[in-house]
Amino acid sequence: MEYFVNCNSASLNPIAGSLDKQKAEHLYRRLGFSASVDTITNAVGQNVSAYVDNLIAEAISMPGIATPTWANWTGADYPEDNDAKSQITTQQKREFINLYINGLVTNNLKDRLSFFWSNHFVTEYRNYMAPPLLYRYVDCLQRNAIGNFKDFVREIGLNDAMLFYLDGVFNNGNNPNENYARELYELFTLGEGNGYTEEDIIETSRALTGWVERGEERYTPITFDPTKHDAGTKIIFGQTDTFDYDGVIDNLFDQREEKISWFICKKLYEFFIHPDSDDEENNGNAKQIVNDLAVVFRNSGFEIAEVLRVLFKSEHFYDEEAVGVIIKSPFDIYINLINETNFAFDEDTIASVENTCRLLGQEIFNPPGVEGWYRDRYWVNTNFMIGRWLSAELYLQTAYNANSEQFREFAISVTPNASTESSPDRVTDAILGKLLPKGIAADELQNAYDVFRDDALVQYYAPPEGDGTWNLYYPGAEVLVFQLMMHIIRQPEFQLK
């Protein structure tokens, strides 16, 4: 790739031993939106294999978002007046998205994955503008996020939001619509041009007809109308049958299982390990890792959890070359900060995160198109870079104004022996170690030290510069922490995870 070169030569073999601090931090930056000092402390020393198994089991058993009272509303439940209706739907959407973003903060792998799949099985809320459909879409993502991928594909295609988004709801037997058939292969299961033809798309669109019954009221769940289905013979992937919707999914996984497993594992690799999965500079090791994961995927019957289990336990995942090589999305920046600092947050904070991420190109449930957000280098282009700095500064300033003492508390939590530590440089090192995955460039380290130090306090610092009476409990220490954090978020390393 042009901007990232994957030099990770480690294998997919299970890593031996237990989690140290760096491994634990890396694990949580990837499988969730980072973690607090306490979470990392509890993880350190735990056996890697057992700990990963527990995290996956937790994700599998974790319930989804609470069902809102309006989840099954139809148009009949809303006011006839358009302005009154718009006010209600706007409020419902806002409250629901706030709940979901709260889940991103706290639910680790469960909603890290549901968020990932929302950028794979893409819909755009702006196209259907209905909170009940949004709820049913998110519910589908959460229930299937770490389940069986074939079941996921089967269900998502009949989801109301997807049926409206890709025009399946207008796919009549006498006038087939090809949109969903094309994206089913091109974006959702096989990859562009990978193992299908235009004729396969045309024939598949015929097989998917009939899911068009919308009822008399808006937002009514879509049902099947057999009179609108093309029951004739179709030829798909060389197989001849009277395929219907289920027949299409079964035939896809029967005839193209190797291509499906490779495409999905490649996407998981690029999301969790490194954006360069081609790895031309490293004898194709990443390609071999993807191929090996694809075998695991197929052998498990397409269980997502089994791929992640192997990946998160592997030497490859924890290799030094896998650390700090993925550019943070806007949501990574702000939710990581919330989790890493343990600063207080409320509904206004979450609303601010949503709005800021939208301005920085990541509007939740509204990606720019069916391909989803472009990720990685796209996040730090000239349109967004200054906005990332300024909005992160605003987040810290707001937190400081709300309660400046939480900056002192954060520094104390990350600094070993904080009550007696009298060296501002060692405190700086501890804060850098928490917020940056691989520390800071050597030529910038002194700048960070200088930002944290207050010349007016130099007489109190550790010898030889002072008498060593200074520590983080000293009046004004919270100001120093705030100044240092404002400096850190402008560093290139802060953009990485």
Protein backbone atom coordinates (compact mmCIF):
# COMPACT_ATOMS: atom_id res chain seq x y z
CA MET A 1 0.00 0.00 0.00
CA GLU A 2 1.12 3.57 -0.60
CA TYR A 3 1.14 4.76 3.01
CA PHE A 4 1.47 1.64 5.14
CA VAL A 5 3.92 -1.21 4.80
CA ASN A 6 3.18 -4.34 6.79
CA CYS A 7 6.39 -5.73 8.26
CA ASN A 8 4.71 -8.21 10.60
CA SER A 9 6.37 -11.59 10.01
CA ALA A 10 4.93 -13.36 13.07
CA SER A 11 2.79 -16.46 12.73
CA LEU A 12 -0.79 -17.25 13.66
CA ASN A 13 0.44 -19.63 16.37
CA PRO A 14 -0.95 -18.96 19.86
CA ILE A 15 1.21 -16.62 21.89
CA ALA A 16 2.58 -18.12 25.07
CA GLY A 17 2.25 -16.72 28.56
CA SER A 18 0.28 -13.87 30.00
CA LEU A 19 -0.68 -10.31 29.12
CA ASP A 20 1.74 -7.55 30.01
CA LYS A 21 0.71 -3.90 29.99
CA GLN A 22 1.53 -3.24 26.32
CA LYS A 23 -0.29 -6.37 25.15
CA ALA A 24 -3.33 -5.58 27.27
CA GLU A 25 -3.47 -1.99 26.02
CA HIS A 26 -3.12 -3.19 22.41
CA LEU A 27 -5.83 -5.81 22.85
CA TYR A 28 -8.35 -3.27 24.16
CA ARG A 29 -7.47 -0.64 21.56
CA ARG A 30 -8.39 -3.13 18.86
CA LEU A 31 -11.23 -5.22 20.23
CA GLY A 32 -12.91 -2.25 21.90
CA PHE A 33 -12.43 1.49 22.20
CA SER A 34 -9.43 1.24 24.56
CA ALA A 35 -9.78 0.85 28.33
CA SER A 36 -9.29 2.44 31.72
CA VAL A 37 -6.23 2.01 33.91
CA ASP A 38 -8.18 -0.34 36.20
CA THR A 39 -9.26 -2.57 33.31
CA ILE A 40 -5.70 -2.84 32.04
CA THR A 41 -4.35 -3.48 35.55
CA ASN A 42 -6.83 -6.33 35.98
CA ALA A 43 -5.83 -7.80 32.61
CA VAL A 44 -2.07 -7.73 33.23
CA GLY A 45 -0.82 -11.13 34.33
CA GLN A 46 -3.83 -13.00 32.96
CA ASN A 47 -3.25 -15.94 30.64
CA VAL A 48 -3.76 -14.67 27.08
CA SER A 49 -5.81 -17.63 25.86
CA ALA A 50 -8.15 -17.75 28.85
CA TYR A 51 -8.59 -13.98 28.87
CA VAL A 52 -9.51 -13.82 25.19
CA ASP A 53 -11.94 -16.71 25.63
CA ASN A 54 -13.63 -14.81 28.45
CA LEU A 55 -13.91 -11.62 26.41
CA ILE A 56 -15.45 -13.50 23.49
CA ALA A 57 -17.86 -15.36 25.79
CA GLU A 58 -18.83 -12.02 27.33
CA ALA A 59 -19.51 -10.55 23.90
CA ILE A 60 -21.60 -13.55 22.83
CA SER A 61 -23.80 -13.46 25.93
CA MET A 62 -24.10 -9.69 26.25
CA PRO A 63 -27.64 -8.44 25.53
CA GLY A 64 -28.21 -5.88 22.84
CA ILE A 65 -29.60 -2.41 23.26
CA ALA A 66 -32.85 -2.18 25.22
CA THR A 67 -35.91 -2.36 22.99
CA PRO A 68 -37.47 1.11 22.80
CA THR A 69 -41.21 1.52 23.29
CA TRP A 70 -41.53 2.63 19.66
CA ALA A 71 -39.59 -0.28 18.15
CA ASN A 72 -42.65 -1.68 16.38
CA TRP A 73 -44.47 1.53 15.66
CA THR A 74 -45.95 2.04 12.23
CA GLY A 75 -47.06 5.26 10.60
CA ALA A 76 -50.37 4.92 12.44
CA ASP A 77 -48.60 5.53 15.76
CA TYR A 78 -47.23 8.92 14.70
CA PRO A 79 -49.13 12.21 14.33
CA GLU A 80 -50.53 12.96 10.89
CA ASP A 81 -49.07 16.45 11.02
CA ASN A 82 -45.62 16.28 9.36
CA ASP A 83 -43.96 18.79 11.68
CA ALA A 84 -45.20 17.03 14.80
CA LYS A 85 -44.16 13.68 13.37
CA SER A 86 -40.71 14.99 12.44
CA GLN A 87 -40.18 16.30 15.96
CA ILE A 88 -40.97 12.88 17.43
CA THR A 89 -38.84 10.88 14.98
CA THR A 90 -35.90 13.25 15.49
CA GLN A 91 -36.12 12.82 19.25
CA GLN A 92 -36.43 9.03 18.98
CA LYS A 93 -33.41 8.82 16.70
CA ARG A 94 -31.33 11.09 18.96
CA GLU A 95 -32.13 9.10 22.12
CA PHE A 96 -31.51 5.78 20.41
CA ILE A 97 -28.15 6.81 18.96
CA ASN A 98 -27.10 8.16 22.36
CA LEU A 99 -27.87 4.74 23.85
CA TYR A 100 -25.90 3.02 21.12
CA ILE A 101 -22.84 5.26 21.52
CA ASN A 102 -22.96 4.61 25.27
CA GLY A 103 -22.70 0.95 24.31
CA LEU A 104 -19.61 1.67 22.22
CA VAL A 105 -18.00 3.14 25.35
CA THR A 106 -18.79 0.17 27.59
CA ASN A 107 -19.47 -2.96 25.53
CA ASN A 108 -15.97 -3.69 24.20
CA LEU A 109 -15.98 -6.39 21.53
CA LYS A 110 -19.78 -6.68 21.23
CA ASP A 111 -20.37 -3.21 19.89
CA ARG A 112 -16.93 -2.75 18.36
CA LEU A 113 -18.10 -5.54 16.05
CA SER A 114 -21.62 -4.23 15.57
CA PHE A 115 -20.05 -0.91 14.57
CA PHE A 116 -17.70 -2.73 12.20
CA TRP A 117 -20.59 -4.57 10.56
CA SER A 118 -22.54 -1.32 10.16
CA ASN A 119 -19.72 -0.32 7.81
CA HIS A 120 -19.92 -3.63 5.98
CA PHE A 121 -23.66 -4.29 5.68
CA VAL A 122 -24.19 -0.61 5.01
CA THR A 123 -27.46 1.28 5.07
CA GLU A 124 -27.93 5.04 5.22
CA TYR A 125 -30.52 6.38 7.65
CA ARG A 126 -31.06 9.40 5.42
CA ASN A 127 -32.59 7.03 2.85
CA TYR A 128 -35.39 5.66 5.04
CA MET A 129 -35.69 8.17 7.93
CA ALA A 130 -37.56 5.85 10.30
CA PRO A 131 -36.49 5.12 13.91
CA PRO A 132 -38.29 1.72 14.00
CA LEU A 133 -36.31 0.60 10.94
CA LEU A 134 -33.08 1.89 12.50
CA TYR A 135 -33.77 -0.08 15.66
CA ARG A 136 -34.46 -3.29 13.72
CA TYR A 137 -31.27 -2.78 11.72
CA VAL A 138 -29.10 -2.21 14.82
CA ASP A 139 -30.74 -5.13 16.59
CA CYS A 140 -29.78 -7.34 13.65
CA LEU A 141 -26.18 -6.09 13.77
CA GLN A 142 -25.86 -6.68 17.50
CA ARG A 143 -27.43 -10.14 17.56
CA ASN A 144 -25.25 -11.36 14.69
CA ALA A 145 -22.06 -9.37 15.35
CA ILE A 146 -20.17 -12.36 16.75
CA GLY A 147 -22.43 -15.13 15.51
CA ASN A 148 -22.66 -17.20 12.35
CA PHE A 149 -21.84 -15.24 9.21
CA LYS A 150 -24.11 -17.26 6.92
CA ASP A 151 -27.04 -16.65 9.26
CA PHE A 152 -26.05 -12.98 9.36
CA VAL A 153 -26.10 -12.70 5.55
CA ARG A 154 -29.43 -14.49 5.39
CA GLU A 155 -31.04 -12.17 7.93
CA ILE A 156 -29.60 -8.82 6.87
CA GLY A 157 -30.96 -9.12 3.33
CA LEU A 158 -34.52 -9.26 4.67
CA ASN A 159 -34.00 -6.48 7.19
CA ASP A 160 -36.44 -3.63 6.57
CA ALA A 161 -33.74 -0.95 6.47
CA MET A 162 -31.72 -2.95 3.92
CA LEU A 163 -34.79 -3.75 1.81
CA PHE A 164 -35.54 -0.05 1.52
CA TYR A 165 -31.93 1.05 1.15
CA LEU A 166 -31.01 -1.25 -1.75
CA ASP A 167 -34.48 -1.31 -3.31
CA GLY A 168 -35.30 -4.92 -2.48
CA VAL A 169 -38.73 -3.69 -1.49
CA PHE A 170 -39.29 -2.75 -5.13
CA ASN A 171 -37.97 -6.03 -6.55
CA ASN A 172 -40.98 -7.46 -8.40
CA GLY A 173 -40.97 -10.64 -10.41
CA ASN A 174 -42.02 -8.89 -13.60
CA ASN A 175 -39.40 -6.14 -13.18
CA PRO A 176 -36.39 -7.34 -11.13
CA ASN A 177 -34.19 -4.80 -9.38
CA GLU A 178 -30.50 -5.74 -9.36
CA ASN A 179 -29.23 -3.49 -6.56
CA TYR A 180 -29.23 -5.93 -3.67
CA ALA A 181 -28.06 -8.87 -5.77
CA ARG A 182 -25.06 -6.84 -6.92
CA GLU A 183 -24.06 -5.66 -3.43
CA LEU A 184 -24.67 -9.11 -1.93
CA TYR A 185 -21.78 -10.37 -4.04
CA GLU A 186 -19.66 -7.28 -4.62
CA LEU A 187 -19.58 -5.78 -1.11
CA PHE A 188 -21.09 -8.22 1.38
CA THR A 189 -19.67 -11.67 0.59
CA LEU A 190 -17.26 -12.02 -2.35
CA GLY A 191 -15.62 -8.72 -3.20
CA GLU A 192 -15.69 -6.78 -6.41
CA GLY A 193 -15.31 -9.04 -9.47
CA ASN A 194 -14.44 -12.04 -7.32
CA GLY A 195 -16.26 -15.14 -8.55
CA TYR A 196 -19.49 -13.86 -10.05
CA THR A 197 -20.69 -12.59 -13.42
CA GLU A 198 -23.24 -10.03 -14.56
CA GLU A 199 -25.48 -12.93 -15.50
CA ASP A 200 -25.22 -14.28 -11.94
CA ILE A 201 -26.40 -10.87 -10.68
CA ILE A 202 -29.33 -10.78 -13.10
CA GLU A 203 -30.42 -14.30 -12.23
CA THR A 204 -29.98 -13.67 -8.50
CA SER A 205 -32.14 -10.54 -8.67
CA ARG A 206 -34.94 -12.71 -10.10
CA ALA A 207 -34.57 -15.17 -7.23
CA LEU A 208 -34.77 -12.37 -4.64
CA THR A 209 -38.07 -10.99 -5.91
CA GLY A 210 -41.24 -10.96 -3.83
CA TRP A 211 -40.20 -9.27 -0.56
CA VAL A 212 -42.30 -6.25 -1.40
CA GLU A 213 -45.41 -6.32 0.79
CA ARG A 214 -45.25 -3.12 2.82
CA GLY A 215 -48.72 -3.05 4.37
CA GLU A 216 -51.00 -0.04 4.41
CA GLU A 217 -48.97 1.94 6.98
CA ARG A 218 -45.40 3.20 6.74
CA TYR A 219 -42.75 1.32 8.77
CA THR A 220 -44.78 -1.91 8.68
CA PRO A 221 -42.33 -4.85 8.54
CA ILE A 222 -41.82 -6.09 4.98
CA THR A 223 -43.30 -9.49 4.16
CA PHE A 224 -43.21 -11.85 1.19
CA ASP A 225 -45.81 -11.69 -1.58
CA PRO A 226 -45.63 -14.91 -3.63
CA THR A 227 -47.50 -13.28 -6.52
CA LYS A 228 -44.56 -10.86 -6.95
CA HIS A 229 -41.91 -13.60 -6.97
CA ASP A 230 -40.30 -15.03 -10.09
CA ALA A 231 -40.62 -18.77 -9.51
CA GLY A 232 -39.00 -19.74 -12.79
CA THR A 233 -35.73 -21.57 -13.33
CA LYS A 234 -32.49 -19.60 -12.82
CA ILE A 235 -28.83 -20.37 -13.39
CA ILE A 236 -26.53 -19.01 -10.66
CA PHE A 237 -22.85 -19.96 -10.35
CA GLY A 238 -23.51 -22.69 -12.91
CA GLN A 239 -26.28 -24.26 -10.82
CA THR A 240 -29.79 -24.56 -12.27
CA ASP A 241 -32.79 -24.43 -9.93
CA THR A 242 -35.94 -22.48 -9.10
CA PHE A 243 -33.98 -20.45 -6.58
CA ASP A 244 -35.78 -18.32 -3.99
CA TYR A 245 -34.21 -16.11 -1.32
CA ASP A 246 -33.01 -18.98 0.91
CA GLY A 247 -31.86 -20.88 -2.15
CA VAL A 248 -29.67 -17.95 -3.18
CA ILE A 249 -27.94 -17.85 0.22
CA ASP A 250 -27.46 -21.63 0.39
CA ASN A 251 -26.12 -21.74 -3.17
CA LEU A 252 -23.74 -18.83 -2.47
CA PHE A 253 -22.18 -20.53 0.54
CA ASP A 254 -22.11 -23.94 -1.16
CA GLN A 255 -20.47 -22.74 -4.36
CA ARG A 256 -18.26 -19.89 -3.13
CA GLU A 257 -17.25 -20.76 0.42
CA GLU A 258 -13.52 -20.28 -0.20
CA LYS A 259 -13.99 -16.87 -1.76
CA ILE A 260 -16.38 -15.76 1.00
CA SER A 261 -14.06 -16.87 3.78
CA TRP A 262 -11.06 -15.16 2.17
CA PHE A 263 -12.91 -11.88 1.54
CA ILE A 264 -14.33 -11.59 5.07
CA CYS A 265 -11.11 -12.64 6.80
CA LYS A 266 -9.17 -10.12 4.71
CA LYS A 267 -11.55 -7.41 5.87
CA LEU A 268 -11.27 -8.50 9.51
CA TYR A 269 -7.48 -8.57 9.18
CA GLU A 270 -7.36 -5.01 7.83
CA PHE A 271 -9.64 -3.80 10.61
CA PHE A 272 -8.00 -5.53 13.56
CA ILE A 273 -4.34 -5.99 12.48
CA HIS A 274 -3.05 -3.82 9.65
CA PRO A 275 -4.51 -1.96 6.64
CA ASP A 276 -1.95 -3.63 4.36
CA SER A 277 -3.16 -7.19 3.86
CA ASP A 278 -1.32 -7.62 0.54
CA ASP A 279 2.07 -7.36 2.24
CA GLU A 280 4.19 -7.33 -0.91
CA GLU A 281 7.21 -6.09 1.08
CA ASN A 282 7.19 -9.01 3.51
CA ASN A 283 6.97 -12.08 1.27
CA GLY A 284 3.19 -12.10 1.57
CA ASN A 285 3.05 -13.16 5.23
CA ALA A 286 -0.19 -11.27 5.76
CA LYS A 287 -1.74 -13.10 2.80
CA GLN A 288 -0.83 -16.38 4.44
CA ILE A 289 -2.37 -15.23 7.72
CA VAL A 290 -5.59 -14.31 5.90
CA ASN A 291 -5.61 -17.67 4.13
CA ASP A 292 -5.12 -19.51 7.42
CA LEU A 293 -7.93 -17.53 9.04
CA ALA A 294 -10.15 -18.35 6.08
CA VAL A 295 -9.57 -22.05 6.70
CA VAL A 296 -10.59 -21.57 10.34
CA PHE A 297 -13.70 -19.70 9.18
CA ARG A 298 -14.77 -22.43 6.77
CA ASN A 299 -13.99 -25.29 9.14
CA SER A 300 -16.09 -23.67 11.87
CA GLY A 301 -19.09 -23.32 9.59
CA PHE A 302 -18.52 -19.54 9.30
CA GLU A 303 -18.51 -18.75 13.01
CA ILE A 304 -17.13 -15.22 13.46
CA ALA A 305 -16.08 -15.92 17.05
CA GLU A 306 -13.74 -18.71 16.00
CA VAL A 307 -11.79 -16.45 13.65
CA LEU A 308 -11.43 -13.78 16.33
CA ARG A 309 -10.46 -16.38 18.92
CA VAL A 310 -7.51 -17.51 16.79
CA LEU A 311 -6.59 -13.95 15.80
CA PHE A 312 -6.61 -12.38 19.28
CA LYS A 313 -4.53 -15.22 20.73
CA SER A 314 -1.91 -15.18 17.99
CA GLU A 315 1.72 -14.11 17.91
CA HIS A 316 0.80 -12.12 14.82
CA PHE A 317 -1.75 -9.97 16.66
CA TYR A 318 0.66 -9.02 19.47
CA ASP A 319 3.72 -8.53 17.30
CA GLU A 320 5.43 -5.16 17.71
CA GLU A 321 4.72 -4.43 14.04
CA ALA A 322 0.98 -4.65 14.72
CA VAL A 323 1.02 -2.00 17.43
CA GLY A 324 0.15 1.60 16.53
CA VAL A 325 -0.25 1.04 12.77
CA ILE A 326 -3.95 1.84 12.30
CA ILE A 327 -5.19 5.43 12.10
CA LYS A 328 -7.94 6.21 14.59
CA SER A 329 -11.39 6.93 13.26
CA PRO A 330 -13.14 9.96 14.78
CA PHE A 331 -15.06 7.65 17.13
CA ASP A 332 -11.76 6.05 18.19
CA ILE A 333 -10.36 9.43 19.17
CA TYR A 334 -13.16 10.48 21.50
CA ILE A 335 -14.34 7.18 22.93
CA ASN A 336 -10.74 6.11 23.51
CA LEU A 337 -10.17 9.34 25.44
CA ILE A 338 -13.29 8.74 27.54
CA ASN A 339 -12.17 5.22 28.40
CA GLU A 340 -8.46 5.88 28.87
CA THR A 341 -8.87 8.93 31.11
CA ASN A 342 -11.99 7.71 32.91
CA PHE A 343 -13.26 11.30 32.77
CA ALA A 344 -16.91 11.77 33.66
CA PHE A 345 -19.32 11.88 30.76
CA ASP A 346 -23.05 12.36 30.32
CA GLU A 347 -25.65 12.58 27.56
CA ASP A 348 -24.32 15.96 26.48
CA THR A 349 -20.83 14.47 26.11
CA ILE A 350 -22.18 11.63 23.97
CA ALA A 351 -24.20 14.05 21.84
CA SER A 352 -21.05 16.12 21.35
CA VAL A 353 -19.09 13.02 20.30
CA GLU A 354 -21.75 12.15 17.73
CA ASN A 355 -21.83 15.67 16.32
CA THR A 356 -18.05 16.03 16.22
CA CYS A 357 -17.61 12.68 14.47
CA ARG A 358 -20.21 13.71 11.90
CA LEU A 359 -18.26 16.89 11.16
CA LEU A 360 -15.08 14.82 10.81
CA GLY A 361 -16.60 12.48 8.24
CA GLN A 362 -18.01 9.65 10.37
CA GLU A 363 -21.75 10.19 10.76
CA ILE A 364 -23.07 7.19 12.62
CA PHE A 365 -25.47 5.03 10.51
CA ASN A 366 -24.96 7.48 7.64
CA PRO A 367 -21.78 6.55 5.79
CA PRO A 368 -21.19 8.37 2.48
CA GLY A 369 -22.34 5.45 0.33
CA VAL A 370 -22.86 1.72 0.16
CA GLU A 371 -19.07 1.17 0.27
CA GLY A 372 -19.02 2.63 3.81
CA TRP A 373 -16.40 4.91 5.32
CA TYR A 374 -13.04 4.67 3.60
CA ARG A 375 -11.01 4.61 6.85
CA ASP A 376 -7.28 4.83 7.56
CA ARG A 377 -5.51 7.54 5.49
CA TYR A 378 -8.89 9.12 4.67
CA TRP A 379 -9.31 10.19 8.31
CA VAL A 380 -6.20 12.38 8.32
CA ASN A 381 -6.55 14.19 5.01
CA THR A 382 -6.28 17.97 4.85
CA ASN A 383 -10.04 18.40 5.26
CA PHE A 384 -10.12 16.73 8.68
CA MET A 385 -6.71 17.00 10.36
CA ILE A 386 -7.10 20.46 11.90
CA GLY A 387 -10.65 19.56 12.95
CA ARG A 388 -9.35 16.47 14.75
CA TRP A 389 -6.92 18.65 16.74
CA LEU A 390 -9.33 21.42 17.57
CA SER A 391 -12.23 19.16 18.54
CA ALA A 392 -10.00 17.03 20.78
CA GLU A 393 -8.75 20.23 22.44
CA LEU A 394 -12.36 21.30 22.96
CA TYR A 395 -13.14 17.94 24.56
CA LEU A 396 -10.25 18.34 27.03
CA GLN A 397 -11.11 21.97 27.73
CA THR A 398 -14.73 21.05 28.46
CA ALA A 399 -13.63 18.25 30.79
CA TYR A 400 -11.21 20.57 32.56
CA ASN A 401 -13.85 23.26 33.03
CA ALA A 402 -16.28 20.69 34.41
CA ASN A 403 -13.81 19.26 36.92
CA SER A 404 -10.13 20.08 36.74
CA GLU A 405 -9.29 17.61 39.52
CA GLN A 406 -10.03 14.67 37.24
CA PHE A 407 -6.85 15.53 35.33
CA ARG A 408 -4.82 15.13 38.51
CA GLU A 409 -6.68 11.88 39.27
CA PHE A 410 -5.91 10.58 35.79
CA ALA A 411 -2.19 11.29 36.19
CA ILE A 412 -2.16 9.65 39.61
CA SER A 413 -3.86 6.56 38.19
CA VAL A 414 -1.24 6.05 35.47
CA THR A 415 1.88 6.96 37.50
CA PRO A 416 3.56 4.20 39.55
CA ASN A 417 4.06 5.24 43.19
CA ALA A 418 2.32 8.53 42.44
CA SER A 419 2.25 9.66 46.06
CA THR A 420 6.04 9.75 46.24
CA GLU A 421 7.02 10.33 42.60
CA SER A 422 8.84 13.67 42.49
CA SER A 423 10.13 13.56 38.92
CA PRO A 424 7.90 15.41 36.44
CA ASP A 425 9.66 13.58 33.61
CA ARG A 426 8.62 10.18 34.93
CA VAL A 427 5.03 11.44 35.29
CA THR A 428 5.20 12.65 31.70
CA ASP A 429 6.48 9.23 30.62
CA ALA A 430 3.54 7.55 32.36
CA ILE A 431 0.95 9.79 30.70
CA LEU A 432 2.56 9.34 27.29
CA GLY A 433 2.57 5.59 27.84
CA LYS A 434 -1.16 5.54 28.47
CA LEU A 435 -2.30 7.77 25.61
CA LEU A 436 0.15 6.73 22.87
CA PRO A 437 0.43 3.10 21.69
CA LYS A 438 4.17 3.27 20.96
CA GLY A 439 5.27 6.34 22.87
CA ILE A 440 6.55 9.50 21.21
CA ALA A 441 9.40 10.11 18.78
CA ALA A 442 12.73 10.51 20.60
CA ASP A 443 13.30 13.99 19.21
CA GLU A 444 9.91 15.10 20.58
CA LEU A 445 10.26 13.63 24.04
CA GLN A 446 12.10 16.63 25.48
CA ASN A 447 9.36 18.91 24.16
CA ALA A 448 6.81 16.88 26.11
CA TYR A 449 8.98 17.12 29.24
CA ASP A 450 9.22 20.89 28.80
CA VAL A 451 5.47 21.29 28.34
CA PHE A 452 4.76 19.46 31.60
CA ARG A 453 7.38 21.23 33.68
CA ASP A 454 6.52 24.57 35.24
CA ASP A 455 9.61 26.73 35.65
CA ALA A 456 8.07 28.36 38.70
CA LEU A 457 8.11 24.97 40.45
CA VAL A 458 11.59 23.85 39.46
CA GLN A 459 12.92 24.29 42.99
CA TYR A 460 10.54 21.56 44.17
CA TYR A 461 11.43 18.95 41.54
CA ALA A 462 13.60 15.92 42.14
CA PRO A 463 17.36 16.54 42.59
CA PRO A 464 19.60 17.76 41.13
CA GLU A 465 17.20 20.53 40.03
CA GLY A 466 15.24 20.86 43.25
CA ASP A 467 14.59 19.51 46.72
CA GLY A 468 12.33 16.66 45.57
CA THR A 469 9.23 17.74 47.49
CA TRP A 470 7.03 18.10 44.40
CA ASN A 471 4.49 15.42 43.45
CA LEU A 472 1.13 15.13 41.73
CA TYR A 473 -0.68 16.26 44.87
CA TYR A 474 1.09 19.62 44.69
CA PRO A 475 -1.27 22.57 44.02
CA GLY A 476 -1.51 23.24 40.29
CA ALA A 477 -0.44 19.78 39.17
CA GLU A 478 -3.80 19.37 37.41
CA VAL A 479 -2.91 22.36 35.22
CA LEU A 480 0.33 20.69 34.17
CA VAL A 481 -1.50 17.48 33.26
CA PHE A 482 -4.02 19.45 31.21
CA GLN A 483 -1.23 21.31 29.37
CA LEU A 484 0.57 18.07 28.60
CA MET A 485 -2.57 16.37 27.29
CA MET A 486 -3.31 19.37 25.06
CA HIS A 487 0.21 18.92 23.68
CA ILE A 488 -0.15 15.15 23.23
CA ILE A 489 -3.29 15.30 21.10
CA ARG A 490 -1.38 17.35 18.52
CA GLN A 491 1.32 14.68 18.13
CA PRO A 492 1.26 12.34 15.12
CA GLU A 493 1.43 9.30 17.41
CA PHE A 494 -1.89 10.26 18.99
CA GLN A 495 -3.62 9.59 15.68
CA LEU A 496 -2.66 5.91 15.82
CA LYS A 497 -3.96 2.89 17.68
